[in-house]
Amino acid sequence: MHETRHETLRVPLIVAATVCLALTPSRGQQTAVHKPSVAELVKMLHSEDWTKRSMAYEQLRSNPTALRNPKVQAELINLLDRKSKESNARVHAAQMLLAVLEPRT
């Protein structure tokens, strides 16, 4: 039996196509990403990890329903207050360091 070049390539192409299809999830099989609830996002505003705080802030900021929630509003104001105090403390520390390092004339 004499195989043509087309028939020789057919099996590897079928195998490659099957592997690609098997590894590609269909719409119904895609893994659902957990979207944190508003309560979880509010809790994340107190995280030590700034990336978590930032992500929570961004998600709350882009949620008009959450922004109307008095608890969310209060927590966002608390976050702003904490950040302001941290900034003020850094400025004060820098001023103290400059005062120490400044040559006296």
N, C-alpha and C. Protein backbone atom coordinates (compact mmCIF):
# COMPACT_ATOMS: atom_id res chain seq x y z
N MET A 1 0.85 -1.16 0.00
CA MET A 1 0.00 0.00 0.00
C MET A 1 0.90 1.23 0.00
N HIS A 2 0.56 2.20 -0.81
CA HIS A 2 1.38 3.39 -0.98
C HIS A 2 0.66 4.59 -0.35
N GLU A 3 1.24 5.13 0.75
CA GLU A 3 0.62 6.27 1.43
C GLU A 3 1.07 7.56 0.77
N THR A 4 0.15 8.47 0.64
CA THR A 4 0.50 9.78 0.12
C THR A 4 0.94 10.66 1.28
N ARG A 5 1.56 11.77 0.92
CA ARG A 5 2.03 12.70 1.95
C ARG A 5 0.85 13.22 2.78
N HIS A 6 -0.26 13.43 2.14
CA HIS A 6 -1.47 13.92 2.82
C HIS A 6 -1.93 12.93 3.89
N GLU A 7 -1.94 11.67 3.57
CA GLU A 7 -2.37 10.65 4.52
C GLU A 7 -1.38 10.51 5.67
N THR A 8 -0.08 10.74 5.41
CA THR A 8 0.95 10.62 6.43
C THR A 8 0.81 11.75 7.47
N LEU A 9 0.43 12.92 7.03
CA LEU A 9 0.28 14.06 7.94
C LEU A 9 -1.06 14.09 8.65
N ARG A 10 -2.01 13.32 8.17
CA ARG A 10 -3.35 13.36 8.72
C ARG A 10 -3.40 12.94 10.19
N VAL A 11 -2.75 11.88 10.56
CA VAL A 11 -2.81 11.39 11.94
C VAL A 11 -2.19 12.39 12.92
N PRO A 12 -0.98 12.92 12.66
CA PRO A 12 -0.44 13.91 13.61
C PRO A 12 -1.31 15.17 13.71
N LEU A 13 -1.92 15.59 12.62
CA LEU A 13 -2.80 16.76 12.66
C LEU A 13 -4.04 16.48 13.49
N ILE A 14 -4.60 15.31 13.36
CA ILE A 14 -5.79 14.94 14.15
C ILE A 14 -5.42 14.90 15.64
N VAL A 15 -4.25 14.34 15.96
CA VAL A 15 -3.81 14.27 17.35
C VAL A 15 -3.60 15.68 17.90
N ALA A 16 -2.95 16.55 17.14
CA ALA A 16 -2.70 17.92 17.59
C ALA A 16 -4.02 18.67 17.80
N ALA A 17 -4.95 18.51 16.88
CA ALA A 17 -6.24 19.19 17.01
C ALA A 17 -6.99 18.68 18.23
N THR A 18 -6.96 17.38 18.48
CA THR A 18 -7.63 16.79 19.63
C THR A 18 -7.04 17.33 20.94
N VAL A 19 -5.72 17.42 21.01
CA VAL A 19 -5.06 17.93 22.21
C VAL A 19 -5.46 19.39 22.44
N CYS A 20 -5.45 20.20 21.39
CA CYS A 20 -5.82 21.61 21.52
C CYS A 20 -7.26 21.75 22.01
N LEU A 21 -8.16 20.98 21.45
CA LEU A 21 -9.56 21.04 21.86
C LEU A 21 -9.75 20.58 23.30
N ALA A 22 -8.99 19.59 23.69
CA ALA A 22 -9.11 19.05 25.05
C ALA A 22 -8.60 20.06 26.08
N LEU A 23 -7.59 20.85 25.71
CA LEU A 23 -7.01 21.80 26.64
C LEU A 23 -7.73 23.14 26.67
N THR A 24 -8.60 23.39 25.71
CA THR A 24 -9.33 24.65 25.64
C THR A 24 -10.69 24.48 26.30
N PRO A 25 -10.94 25.17 27.42
CA PRO A 25 -12.24 25.01 28.09
C PRO A 25 -13.36 25.65 27.25
N SER A 26 -14.48 24.99 27.26
CA SER A 26 -15.64 25.56 26.56
C SER A 26 -16.29 26.59 27.47
N ARG A 27 -17.25 27.33 26.96
CA ARG A 27 -17.89 28.38 27.75
C ARG A 27 -18.48 27.84 29.05
N GLY A 28 -19.09 26.69 29.01
CA GLY A 28 -19.73 26.13 30.19
C GLY A 28 -18.74 25.58 31.19
N GLN A 29 -17.51 25.29 30.75
CA GLN A 29 -16.53 24.68 31.63
C GLN A 29 -15.58 25.68 32.25
N GLN A 30 -15.64 26.94 31.85
CA GLN A 30 -14.71 27.92 32.39
C GLN A 30 -14.92 28.07 33.89
N THR A 31 -13.82 28.18 34.59
CA THR A 31 -13.86 28.31 36.04
C THR A 31 -14.36 29.71 36.41
N ALA A 32 -15.33 29.75 37.28
CA ALA A 32 -15.87 31.03 37.73
C ALA A 32 -14.89 31.67 38.71
N VAL A 33 -14.62 32.94 38.53
CA VAL A 33 -13.74 33.68 39.43
C VAL A 33 -14.59 34.19 40.58
N HIS A 34 -14.10 33.96 41.79
CA HIS A 34 -14.82 34.40 42.98
C HIS A 34 -14.78 35.92 43.04
N LYS A 35 -15.94 36.54 43.06
CA LYS A 35 -16.03 37.99 43.19
C LYS A 35 -16.39 38.28 44.63
N PRO A 36 -15.50 38.98 45.34
CA PRO A 36 -15.77 39.24 46.76
C PRO A 36 -17.05 40.05 46.96
N SER A 37 -17.73 39.75 48.04
CA SER A 37 -18.94 40.50 48.39
C SER A 37 -18.53 41.87 48.91
N VAL A 38 -19.49 42.76 49.04
CA VAL A 38 -19.22 44.09 49.58
C VAL A 38 -18.66 43.98 51.00
N ALA A 39 -19.21 43.07 51.80
CA ALA A 39 -18.71 42.88 53.17
C ALA A 39 -17.25 42.42 53.16
N GLU A 40 -16.92 41.51 52.23
CA GLU A 40 -15.53 41.05 52.13
C GLU A 40 -14.61 42.19 51.69
N LEU A 41 -15.09 43.01 50.77
CA LEU A 41 -14.28 44.14 50.29
C LEU A 41 -14.04 45.14 51.42
N VAL A 42 -15.08 45.40 52.21
CA VAL A 42 -14.93 46.32 53.35
C VAL A 42 -13.89 45.76 54.32
N LYS A 43 -13.93 44.47 54.57
CA LYS A 43 -12.95 43.85 55.46
C LYS A 43 -11.53 43.98 54.88
N MET A 44 -11.43 43.85 53.56
CA MET A 44 -10.12 43.94 52.91
C MET A 44 -9.53 45.35 52.99
N LEU A 45 -10.35 46.36 53.24
CA LEU A 45 -9.83 47.72 53.40
C LEU A 45 -8.91 47.83 54.62
N HIS A 46 -9.00 46.87 55.54
CA HIS A 46 -8.18 46.87 56.76
C HIS A 46 -6.97 45.96 56.64
N SER A 47 -6.76 45.37 55.47
CA SER A 47 -5.66 44.44 55.27
C SER A 47 -4.31 45.14 55.42
N GLU A 48 -3.33 44.40 55.90
CA GLU A 48 -1.96 44.91 55.97
C GLU A 48 -1.35 44.97 54.57
N ASP A 49 -1.86 44.16 53.66
CA ASP A 49 -1.36 44.10 52.29
C ASP A 49 -1.98 45.23 51.46
N TRP A 50 -1.15 46.18 51.03
CA TRP A 50 -1.67 47.34 50.32
C TRP A 50 -2.33 46.96 49.00
N THR A 51 -1.89 45.85 48.38
CA THR A 51 -2.50 45.45 47.11
C THR A 51 -3.95 45.01 47.33
N LYS A 52 -4.20 44.35 48.46
CA LYS A 52 -5.58 43.94 48.79
C LYS A 52 -6.44 45.16 49.09
N ARG A 53 -5.88 46.10 49.85
CA ARG A 53 -6.62 47.33 50.15
C ARG A 53 -6.95 48.09 48.87
N SER A 54 -5.97 48.17 47.98
CA SER A 54 -6.15 48.90 46.73
C SER A 54 -7.21 48.24 45.86
N MET A 55 -7.15 46.92 45.75
CA MET A 55 -8.13 46.18 44.95
C MET A 55 -9.53 46.35 45.53
N ALA A 56 -9.64 46.28 46.85
CA ALA A 56 -10.95 46.45 47.50
C ALA A 56 -11.48 47.85 47.25
N TYR A 57 -10.61 48.84 47.39
CA TYR A 57 -11.02 50.23 47.15
C TYR A 57 -11.52 50.40 45.71
N GLU A 58 -10.76 49.89 44.75
CA GLU A 58 -11.13 50.04 43.34
C GLU A 58 -12.48 49.37 43.05
N GLN A 59 -12.70 48.19 43.62
CA GLN A 59 -13.96 47.49 43.37
C GLN A 59 -15.13 48.22 44.04
N LEU A 60 -14.92 48.73 45.24
CA LEU A 60 -15.99 49.46 45.91
C LEU A 60 -16.27 50.78 45.19
N ARG A 61 -15.22 51.44 44.75
CA ARG A 61 -15.35 52.73 44.07
C ARG A 61 -16.14 52.60 42.77
N SER A 62 -16.03 51.46 42.13
CA SER A 62 -16.70 51.26 40.84
C SER A 62 -18.09 50.62 40.99
N ASN A 63 -18.56 50.50 42.24
CA ASN A 63 -19.86 49.88 42.50
C ASN A 63 -20.81 50.94 43.08
N PRO A 64 -21.66 51.53 42.23
CA PRO A 64 -22.55 52.60 42.70
C PRO A 64 -23.47 52.18 43.85
N THR A 65 -23.91 50.93 43.84
CA THR A 65 -24.78 50.45 44.91
C THR A 65 -24.02 50.42 46.23
N ALA A 66 -22.78 49.93 46.20
CA ALA A 66 -21.97 49.88 47.42
C ALA A 66 -21.67 51.27 47.94
N LEU A 67 -21.46 52.22 47.03
CA LEU A 67 -21.13 53.58 47.46
C LEU A 67 -22.29 54.28 48.17
N ARG A 68 -23.50 53.80 47.96
CA ARG A 68 -24.65 54.38 48.67
C ARG A 68 -24.83 53.77 50.06
N ASN A 69 -24.10 52.72 50.36
CA ASN A 69 -24.18 52.04 51.65
C ASN A 69 -23.44 52.87 52.71
N PRO A 70 -24.14 53.29 53.79
CA PRO A 70 -23.49 54.12 54.82
C PRO A 70 -22.26 53.45 55.45
N LYS A 71 -22.29 52.13 55.62
CA LYS A 71 -21.13 51.42 56.19
C LYS A 71 -19.93 51.52 55.26
N VAL A 72 -20.16 51.35 53.96
CA VAL A 72 -19.08 51.46 52.97
C VAL A 72 -18.54 52.89 52.97
N GLN A 73 -19.43 53.86 53.00
CA GLN A 73 -19.01 55.27 53.03
C GLN A 73 -18.12 55.54 54.25
N ALA A 74 -18.54 55.04 55.40
CA ALA A 74 -17.77 55.25 56.64
C ALA A 74 -16.41 54.57 56.55
N GLU A 75 -16.36 53.37 56.00
CA GLU A 75 -15.09 52.65 55.89
C GLU A 75 -14.14 53.32 54.90
N LEU A 76 -14.68 53.88 53.82
CA LEU A 76 -13.84 54.59 52.86
C LEU A 76 -13.29 55.88 53.48
N ILE A 77 -14.09 56.55 54.28
CA ILE A 77 -13.61 57.75 54.98
C ILE A 77 -12.54 57.37 55.99
N ASN A 78 -12.75 56.24 56.69
CA ASN A 78 -11.73 55.76 57.65
C ASN A 78 -10.42 55.45 56.93
N LEU A 79 -10.52 54.84 55.75
CA LEU A 79 -9.32 54.53 54.97
C LEU A 79 -8.59 55.81 54.59
N LEU A 80 -9.34 56.79 54.13
CA LEU A 80 -8.76 58.08 53.77
C LEU A 80 -8.09 58.73 54.97
N ASP A 81 -8.74 58.66 56.12
CA ASP A 81 -8.17 59.23 57.34
C ASP A 81 -6.87 58.52 57.73
N ARG A 82 -6.86 57.19 57.65
CA ARG A 82 -5.64 56.42 57.97
C ARG A 82 -4.51 56.80 57.03
N LYS A 83 -4.81 56.89 55.73
CA LYS A 83 -3.78 57.24 54.74
C LYS A 83 -3.26 58.65 54.99
N SER A 84 -4.14 59.56 55.37
CA SER A 84 -3.74 60.93 55.66
C SER A 84 -2.81 60.98 56.87
N LYS A 85 -3.15 60.22 57.92
CA LYS A 85 -2.31 60.18 59.12
C LYS A 85 -0.95 59.58 58.81
N GLU A 86 -0.93 58.52 57.97
CA GLU A 86 0.35 57.91 57.58
C GLU A 86 1.21 58.91 56.82
N SER A 87 0.58 59.65 55.92
CA SER A 87 1.31 60.65 55.13
C SER A 87 1.85 61.74 56.03
N ASN A 88 1.03 62.20 56.96
CA ASN A 88 1.47 63.24 57.90
C ASN A 88 2.63 62.74 58.75
N ALA A 89 2.57 61.50 59.18
CA ALA A 89 3.65 60.93 59.99
C ALA A 89 4.94 60.84 59.17
N ARG A 90 4.84 60.48 57.91
CA ARG A 90 6.03 60.41 57.04
C ARG A 90 6.63 61.80 56.83
N VAL A 91 5.77 62.78 56.61
CA VAL A 91 6.27 64.15 56.43
C VAL A 91 6.97 64.62 57.69
N HIS A 92 6.37 64.36 58.84
CA HIS A 92 6.97 64.75 60.12
C HIS A 92 8.32 64.06 60.32
N ALA A 93 8.40 62.77 60.01
CA ALA A 93 9.65 62.04 60.16
C ALA A 93 10.72 62.59 59.22
N ALA A 94 10.33 62.93 58.00
CA ALA A 94 11.29 63.50 57.05
C ALA A 94 11.78 64.86 57.53
N GLN A 95 10.88 65.66 58.08
CA GLN A 95 11.27 66.97 58.61
C GLN A 95 12.25 66.82 59.77
N MET A 96 11.99 65.84 60.63
CA MET A 96 12.89 65.59 61.77
C MET A 96 14.26 65.15 61.27
N LEU A 97 14.30 64.29 60.28
CA LEU A 97 15.56 63.81 59.73
C LEU A 97 16.33 64.96 59.09
N LEU A 98 15.64 65.80 58.35
CA LEU A 98 16.30 66.96 57.73
C LEU A 98 16.85 67.90 58.79
N ALA A 99 16.11 68.08 59.88
CA ALA A 99 16.57 68.97 60.95
C ALA A 99 17.86 68.43 61.58
N VAL A 100 17.94 67.12 61.71
CA VAL A 100 19.13 66.50 62.31
C VAL A 100 20.32 66.58 61.35
N LEU A 101 20.05 66.36 60.07
CA LEU A 101 21.12 66.33 59.08
C LEU A 101 21.54 67.71 58.58
N GLU A 102 20.72 68.71 58.81
CA GLU A 102 20.99 70.06 58.33
C GLU A 102 22.21 70.63 59.05
N PRO A 103 23.17 71.12 58.27
CA PRO A 103 24.36 71.70 58.93
C PRO A 103 23.98 72.98 59.67
N ARG A 104 24.57 73.12 60.83
CA ARG A 104 24.29 74.32 61.65
C ARG A 104 25.30 75.39 61.34
N THR A 105 24.80 76.57 61.16
CA THR A 105 25.71 77.68 60.86
C THR A 105 25.76 78.68 61.98
